[in-house]
């Protein structure tokens, strides 16, 4: 399985893979706790200029999630949870990255 793209879409984080036959597989994690919050983002200005998302490196992101989790290992403080779920804005992006 070959990793081809990682995107932080704000509404979710996606990792895309291709298998040896060229089939695409997507794994994703939702970033909003409610449909209303996701809808609000998708009707806002940031989504209008970049509906595709920002590239990101999942390994440091996952390490940070694990290092900032609570004592029980699965609860982040609310401010950390929000910060880690917020994508880094890169400006206008209206096309899927080349090679995807």
C-alpha atoms as a PDB file:
ATOM      1  CA  UNK A   1       0.000   0.000   0.000  1.00  0.00           C
ATOM      2  CA  UNK A   2       1.428   3.357  -1.020  1.00  0.00           C
ATOM      3  CA  UNK A   3       0.480   6.565   0.754  1.00  0.00           C
ATOM      4  CA  UNK A   4      -0.343   9.206  -1.832  1.00  0.00           C
ATOM      5  CA  UNK A   5      -1.784  12.191   0.018  1.00  0.00           C
ATOM      6  CA  UNK A   6      -2.610  13.483   3.497  1.00  0.00           C
ATOM      7  CA  UNK A   7      -5.038  16.380   3.824  1.00  0.00           C
ATOM      8  CA  UNK A   8      -6.336  18.355   6.757  1.00  0.00           C
ATOM      9  CA  UNK A   9      -9.704  19.451   5.450  1.00  0.00           C
ATOM     10  CA  UNK A  10     -10.820  21.020   8.749  1.00  0.00           C
ATOM     11  CA  UNK A  11     -14.079  19.089   8.706  1.00  0.00           C
ATOM     12  CA  UNK A  12     -11.953  15.956   8.714  1.00  0.00           C
ATOM     13  CA  UNK A  13      -8.450  14.637   8.328  1.00  0.00           C
ATOM     14  CA  UNK A  14      -7.946  12.241   5.438  1.00  0.00           C
ATOM     15  CA  UNK A  15      -5.160   9.919   4.424  1.00  0.00           C
ATOM     16  CA  UNK A  16      -5.299   8.542   0.917  1.00  0.00           C
ATOM     17  CA  UNK A  17      -3.543   5.393  -0.245  1.00  0.00           C
ATOM     18  CA  UNK A  18      -3.150   3.476  -3.496  1.00  0.00           C
ATOM     19  CA  UNK A  19      -2.779  -0.251  -3.620  1.00  0.00           C
ATOM     20  CA  UNK A  20      -0.517  -1.947  -6.197  1.00  0.00           C
ATOM     21  CA  UNK A  21      -3.477  -2.206  -8.612  1.00  0.00           C
ATOM     22  CA  UNK A  22      -4.063   1.570  -8.457  1.00  0.00           C
ATOM     23  CA  UNK A  23      -7.209   1.435  -6.300  1.00  0.00           C
ATOM     24  CA  UNK A  24      -7.639   4.418  -3.982  1.00  0.00           C
ATOM     25  CA  UNK A  25      -8.435   4.010  -0.283  1.00  0.00           C
ATOM     26  CA  UNK A  26      -9.340   6.845   2.093  1.00  0.00           C
ATOM     27  CA  UNK A  27      -9.148   6.784   5.878  1.00  0.00           C
ATOM     28  CA  UNK A  28     -10.641   9.757   7.693  1.00  0.00           C
ATOM     29  CA  UNK A  29     -11.278  11.206  11.127  1.00  0.00           C
ATOM     30  CA  UNK A  30     -13.985  13.806  11.765  1.00  0.00           C
ATOM     31  CA  UNK A  31     -12.850  17.097  13.307  1.00  0.00           C
ATOM     32  CA  UNK A  32     -16.183  18.598  14.344  1.00  0.00           C
ATOM     33  CA  UNK A  33     -18.295  17.406  17.223  1.00  0.00           C
ATOM     34  CA  UNK A  34     -21.574  18.342  15.524  1.00  0.00           C
ATOM     35  CA  UNK A  35     -23.080  18.519  12.069  1.00  0.00           C
ATOM     36  CA  UNK A  36     -23.952  22.162  12.703  1.00  0.00           C
ATOM     37  CA  UNK A  37     -20.332  23.122  13.399  1.00  0.00           C
ATOM     38  CA  UNK A  38     -19.138  21.341  10.242  1.00  0.00           C
ATOM     39  CA  UNK A  39     -21.897  22.994   8.189  1.00  0.00           C
ATOM     40  CA  UNK A  40     -20.933  26.419   9.569  1.00  0.00           C
ATOM     41  CA  UNK A  41     -17.341  25.927   8.431  1.00  0.00           C
ATOM     42  CA  UNK A  42     -18.355  24.667   4.982  1.00  0.00           C
ATOM     43  CA  UNK A  43     -20.517  27.732   4.371  1.00  0.00           C
ATOM     44  CA  UNK A  44     -17.817  30.166   5.544  1.00  0.00           C
ATOM     45  CA  UNK A  45     -15.065  32.162   3.907  1.00  0.00           C
ATOM     46  CA  UNK A  46     -12.155  29.803   4.695  1.00  0.00           C
ATOM     47  CA  UNK A  47     -13.855  26.896   2.941  1.00  0.00           C
ATOM     48  CA  UNK A  48     -14.724  29.114  -0.038  1.00  0.00           C
ATOM     49  CA  UNK A  49     -11.048  29.898  -0.704  1.00  0.00           C
ATOM     50  CA  UNK A  50      -9.791  26.379   0.074  1.00  0.00           C
ATOM     51  CA  UNK A  51     -12.329  23.552  -0.175  1.00  0.00           C
ATOM     52  CA  UNK A  52      -9.540  21.013  -0.851  1.00  0.00           C
ATOM     53  CA  UNK A  53      -7.594  21.312   2.412  1.00  0.00           C
ATOM     54  CA  UNK A  54      -4.008  21.711   3.593  1.00  0.00           C
ATOM     55  CA  UNK A  55      -1.264  19.120   3.285  1.00  0.00           C
ATOM     56  CA  UNK A  56       0.029  17.870   6.594  1.00  0.00           C
ATOM     57  CA  UNK A  57       2.440  15.310   8.008  1.00  0.00           C
ATOM     58  CA  UNK A  58       0.406  12.835  10.074  1.00  0.00           C
ATOM     59  CA  UNK A  59       3.273  11.369  12.104  1.00  0.00           C
ATOM     60  CA  UNK A  60       4.179  14.511  14.118  1.00  0.00           C
ATOM     61  CA  UNK A  61       0.464  15.317  14.427  1.00  0.00           C
ATOM     62  CA  UNK A  62      -0.287  11.865  15.872  1.00  0.00           C
ATOM     63  CA  UNK A  63       2.712  12.092  18.211  1.00  0.00           C
ATOM     64  CA  UNK A  64       1.424  15.429  19.494  1.00  0.00           C
ATOM     65  CA  UNK A  65      -2.071  14.025  20.020  1.00  0.00           C
ATOM     66  CA  UNK A  66      -0.627  11.163  22.045  1.00  0.00           C
ATOM     67  CA  UNK A  67       1.724  13.394  24.042  1.00  0.00           C
ATOM     68  CA  UNK A  68      -1.015  15.863  25.011  1.00  0.00           C
ATOM     69  CA  UNK A  69      -3.690  13.328  25.891  1.00  0.00           C
ATOM     70  CA  UNK A  70      -4.966  13.171  29.444  1.00  0.00           C
ATOM     71  CA  UNK A  71      -3.886  10.779  32.161  1.00  0.00           C
ATOM     72  CA  UNK A  72      -6.359   8.140  30.940  1.00  0.00           C
ATOM     73  CA  UNK A  73      -4.737   8.241  27.494  1.00  0.00           C
ATOM     74  CA  UNK A  74      -7.794   9.189  25.493  1.00  0.00           C
ATOM     75  CA  UNK A  75      -8.952  12.639  26.559  1.00  0.00           C
ATOM     76  CA  UNK A  76      -7.403  15.880  25.356  1.00  0.00           C
ATOM     77  CA  UNK A  77      -7.993  19.147  27.146  1.00  0.00           C
ATOM     78  CA  UNK A  78     -10.668  21.072  25.177  1.00  0.00           C
ATOM     79  CA  UNK A  79      -8.238  23.779  24.031  1.00  0.00           C
ATOM     80  CA  UNK A  80      -5.727  21.167  22.803  1.00  0.00           C
ATOM     81  CA  UNK A  81      -8.469  19.226  21.051  1.00  0.00           C
ATOM     82  CA  UNK A  82      -9.616  22.346  19.196  1.00  0.00           C
ATOM     83  CA  UNK A  83      -6.059  23.407  18.293  1.00  0.00           C
ATOM     84  CA  UNK A  84      -5.165  19.988  16.889  1.00  0.00           C
ATOM     85  CA  UNK A  85      -8.383  19.819  14.871  1.00  0.00           C
ATOM     86  CA  UNK A  86      -7.869  23.263  13.297  1.00  0.00           C
ATOM     87  CA  UNK A  87      -6.088  23.153   9.956  1.00  0.00           C
ATOM     88  CA  UNK A  88      -3.206  25.446   9.068  1.00  0.00           C
ATOM     89  CA  UNK A  89      -4.538  27.833   6.449  1.00  0.00           C
ATOM     90  CA  UNK A  90      -2.526  27.997   3.227  1.00  0.00           C
ATOM     91  CA  UNK A  91      -4.633  30.422   1.214  1.00  0.00           C
ATOM     92  CA  UNK A  92      -6.447  29.653  -2.000  1.00  0.00           C
ATOM     93  CA  UNK A  93      -6.511  26.038  -3.149  1.00  0.00           C
ATOM     94  CA  UNK A  94      -9.191  25.134  -5.631  1.00  0.00           C
ATOM     95  CA  UNK A  95      -7.661  22.066  -7.296  1.00  0.00           C
ATOM     96  CA  UNK A  96      -6.660  18.627  -6.056  1.00  0.00           C
ATOM     97  CA  UNK A  97      -2.853  18.288  -5.756  1.00  0.00           C
ATOM     98  CA  UNK A  98      -1.047  16.831  -8.747  1.00  0.00           C
ATOM     99  CA  UNK A  99      -0.610  13.073  -8.690  1.00  0.00           C
ATOM    100  CA  UNK A 100      -3.720  12.329  -6.706  1.00  0.00           C
END
